[in-house]
Amino acid sequence: MSSLALAVLLLLVLVTLLLAGGIGYVAHRPPALVAPITAAGMAVIVACLGLLAAR
């Protein structure tokens, strides 16, 4: 595996962790925000993973 591929993989992992952390942070805010933002965040992650899997 080339160093460019490893760098891209590392960045992908870091961005995924940041997104998961952000969704977790927002989910622990007042309950009125939990369902819509968590569902929207999960939809974005699933869409990104779907695009990656389709390649």
Protein backbone atom coordinates (compact mmCIF):
# COMPACT_ATOMS: atom_id res chain seq x y z
CA MET A 1 0.00 0.00 0.00
CA SER A 2 1.43 3.36 -0.97
CA SER A 3 2.01 6.15 1.49
CA LEU A 4 -0.67 8.24 -0.24
CA ALA A 5 -3.24 5.50 0.29
CA LEU A 6 -2.25 5.20 3.94
CA ALA A 7 -2.54 8.97 4.41
CA VAL A 8 -6.01 8.98 2.83
CA LEU A 9 -7.05 6.06 5.02
CA LEU A 10 -5.80 7.84 8.13
CA LEU A 11 -7.68 11.01 7.20
CA LEU A 12 -10.83 9.00 6.53
CA VAL A 13 -10.60 7.38 9.96
CA LEU A 14 -9.99 10.73 11.66
CA VAL A 15 -12.92 12.41 9.90
CA THR A 16 -15.19 9.48 10.78
CA LEU A 17 -14.17 9.72 14.43
CA LEU A 18 -14.78 13.48 14.41
CA LEU A 19 -18.23 12.99 12.90
CA ALA A 20 -19.09 10.28 15.42
CA GLY A 21 -17.87 12.49 18.26
CA GLY A 22 -19.88 15.43 16.96
CA ILE A 23 -23.03 13.37 16.67
CA GLY A 24 -22.47 11.98 20.16
CA TYR A 25 -21.99 15.48 21.56
CA VAL A 26 -25.14 16.79 19.90
CA ALA A 27 -27.12 13.73 21.02
CA HIS A 28 -26.40 14.55 24.67
CA ARG A 29 -27.90 18.02 24.36
CA PRO A 30 -31.56 18.67 25.31
CA PRO A 31 -33.92 15.88 24.17
CA ALA A 32 -35.73 18.10 21.66
CA LEU A 33 -32.65 17.93 19.42
CA VAL A 34 -31.76 14.26 19.83
CA ALA A 35 -33.95 12.48 17.30
CA PRO A 36 -33.74 14.78 14.25
CA ILE A 37 -30.03 15.56 14.51
CA THR A 38 -29.01 11.99 15.32
CA ALA A 39 -31.09 10.66 12.44
CA ALA A 40 -29.68 13.28 10.07
CA GLY A 41 -26.12 12.56 11.20
CA MET A 42 -26.57 8.84 10.74
CA ALA A 43 -28.09 9.44 7.30
CA VAL A 44 -25.04 11.46 6.27
CA ILE A 45 -22.66 8.77 7.51
CA VAL A 46 -24.62 6.01 5.76
CA ALA A 47 -24.68 8.04 2.54
CA CYS A 48 -20.91 8.59 2.68
CA LEU A 49 -20.26 4.93 3.35
CA GLY A 50 -22.60 3.99 0.51
CA LEU A 51 -20.72 6.24 -1.88
CA LEU A 52 -17.42 4.71 -0.79
CA ALA A 53 -18.76 1.18 -1.15
CA ALA A 54 -20.14 1.90 -4.62
CA ARG A 55 -16.68 2.80 -5.91
